[in-house]
Amino acid sequence: MKIRNLFFEVGNLDGLFAFILFIMFGPALLFFIIGIILMSQQKKKAGKIFMILAGIYLLISLGVCGTMMVGL
């Protein structure tokens, strides 16, 4: 009986939580850093585009991954 119940028990989910947080904030942070670098190199239009992409990615990822973390 114990062996059958072993497959249904969930262990430590810290790695999964960290992975979801990385997916949520990683690319948005990377786009934001690229945008700042481009803005400092006098490429204002490309920098603004990357910052807008960072904001849109963050908004969408907080919606999708946030609902996964809440459990809806």
C-alpha atoms as a PDB file:
ATOM      1  CA  MET A   1       0.000   0.000   0.000  1.00  0.00           C
ATOM      2  CA  LYS A   2       2.796   2.438   0.768  1.00  0.00           C
ATOM      3  CA  ILE A   3       4.342   2.087  -2.682  1.00  0.00           C
ATOM      4  CA  ARG A   4       1.100   3.040  -4.445  1.00  0.00           C
ATOM      5  CA  ASN A   5       0.700   6.177  -2.348  1.00  0.00           C
ATOM      6  CA  LEU A   6       4.285   7.253  -2.974  1.00  0.00           C
ATOM      7  CA  PHE A   7       3.472   8.375  -6.506  1.00  0.00           C
ATOM      8  CA  PHE A   8       0.725  10.721  -5.331  1.00  0.00           C
ATOM      9  CA  GLU A   9       2.781  12.536  -2.717  1.00  0.00           C
ATOM     10  CA  VAL A  10       4.349  15.805  -3.742  1.00  0.00           C
ATOM     11  CA  GLY A  11       7.784  16.566  -2.389  1.00  0.00           C
ATOM     12  CA  ASN A  12       9.641  19.851  -2.226  1.00  0.00           C
ATOM     13  CA  LEU A  13       8.450  22.286  -4.921  1.00  0.00           C
ATOM     14  CA  ASP A  14      10.999  25.049  -4.292  1.00  0.00           C
ATOM     15  CA  GLY A  15      12.747  24.412  -7.598  1.00  0.00           C
ATOM     16  CA  LEU A  16       9.506  24.676  -9.546  1.00  0.00           C
ATOM     17  CA  PHE A  17       8.617  27.896  -7.730  1.00  0.00           C
ATOM     18  CA  ALA A  18      12.024  29.400  -8.540  1.00  0.00           C
ATOM     19  CA  PHE A  19      11.688  28.316 -12.180  1.00  0.00           C
ATOM     20  CA  ILE A  20       8.292  29.996 -12.507  1.00  0.00           C
ATOM     21  CA  LEU A  21       9.665  33.172 -10.920  1.00  0.00           C
ATOM     22  CA  PHE A  22      12.565  33.119 -13.376  1.00  0.00           C
ATOM     23  CA  ILE A  23      10.158  32.770 -16.293  1.00  0.00           C
ATOM     24  CA  MET A  24       8.074  35.634 -14.910  1.00  0.00           C
ATOM     25  CA  PHE A  25      10.826  38.160 -14.294  1.00  0.00           C
ATOM     26  CA  GLY A  26      13.898  36.933 -16.204  1.00  0.00           C
ATOM     27  CA  PRO A  27      13.132  37.963 -19.797  1.00  0.00           C
ATOM     28  CA  ALA A  28      11.470  41.216 -18.725  1.00  0.00           C
ATOM     29  CA  LEU A  29      14.533  42.138 -16.689  1.00  0.00           C
ATOM     30  CA  LEU A  30      16.805  41.202 -19.590  1.00  0.00           C
ATOM     31  CA  PHE A  31      14.788  43.344 -22.034  1.00  0.00           C
ATOM     32  CA  PHE A  32      14.877  46.242 -19.567  1.00  0.00           C
ATOM     33  CA  ILE A  33      18.667  46.023 -19.180  1.00  0.00           C
ATOM     34  CA  ILE A  34      19.100  45.864 -22.965  1.00  0.00           C
ATOM     35  CA  GLY A  35      16.843  48.915 -23.267  1.00  0.00           C
ATOM     36  CA  ILE A  36      18.909  50.889 -20.765  1.00  0.00           C
ATOM     37  CA  ILE A  37      22.133  49.955 -22.574  1.00  0.00           C
ATOM     38  CA  LEU A  38      20.694  51.006 -25.930  1.00  0.00           C
ATOM     39  CA  MET A  39      19.401  54.284 -24.482  1.00  0.00           C
ATOM     40  CA  SER A  40      22.846  55.075 -23.092  1.00  0.00           C
ATOM     41  CA  GLN A  41      24.421  54.410 -26.517  1.00  0.00           C
ATOM     42  CA  GLN A  42      22.241  57.070 -28.193  1.00  0.00           C
ATOM     43  CA  LYS A  43      19.887  54.523 -29.793  1.00  0.00           C
ATOM     44  CA  LYS A  44      16.805  56.005 -28.170  1.00  0.00           C
ATOM     45  CA  LYS A  45      14.167  54.443 -30.421  1.00  0.00           C
ATOM     46  CA  ALA A  46      15.493  50.890 -30.045  1.00  0.00           C
ATOM     47  CA  GLY A  47      15.864  51.415 -26.284  1.00  0.00           C
ATOM     48  CA  LYS A  48      12.256  52.558 -25.987  1.00  0.00           C
ATOM     49  CA  ILE A  49      11.075  49.535 -27.962  1.00  0.00           C
ATOM     50  CA  PHE A  50      12.932  47.167 -25.631  1.00  0.00           C
ATOM     51  CA  MET A  51      11.523  48.897 -22.559  1.00  0.00           C
ATOM     52  CA  ILE A  52       7.999  48.628 -23.961  1.00  0.00           C
ATOM     53  CA  LEU A  53       8.617  44.956 -24.720  1.00  0.00           C
ATOM     54  CA  ALA A  54       9.809  44.482 -21.135  1.00  0.00           C
ATOM     55  CA  GLY A  55       6.624  46.044 -19.778  1.00  0.00           C
ATOM     56  CA  ILE A  56       4.358  44.006 -22.028  1.00  0.00           C
ATOM     57  CA  TYR A  57       6.202  40.770 -21.240  1.00  0.00           C
ATOM     58  CA  LEU A  58       6.006  41.497 -17.512  1.00  0.00           C
ATOM     59  CA  LEU A  59       2.293  42.244 -17.696  1.00  0.00           C
ATOM     60  CA  ILE A  60       1.509  39.073 -19.634  1.00  0.00           C
ATOM     61  CA  SER A  61       3.805  36.855 -17.581  1.00  0.00           C
ATOM     62  CA  LEU A  62       2.375  38.092 -14.301  1.00  0.00           C
ATOM     63  CA  GLY A  63      -1.068  37.260 -15.600  1.00  0.00           C
ATOM     64  CA  VAL A  64      -0.267  33.789 -16.928  1.00  0.00           C
ATOM     65  CA  CYS A  65       2.280  32.617 -14.346  1.00  0.00           C
ATOM     66  CA  GLY A  66       0.464  34.399 -11.543  1.00  0.00           C
ATOM     67  CA  THR A  67      -2.692  32.433 -12.188  1.00  0.00           C
ATOM     68  CA  MET A  68      -0.633  29.222 -12.326  1.00  0.00           C
ATOM     69  CA  MET A  69       0.889  30.007  -8.939  1.00  0.00           C
ATOM     70  CA  VAL A  70      -2.462  30.898  -7.375  1.00  0.00           C
ATOM     71  CA  GLY A  71      -3.985  27.717  -8.716  1.00  0.00           C
ATOM     72  CA  LEU A  72      -6.914  28.978 -10.757  1.00  0.00           C
END
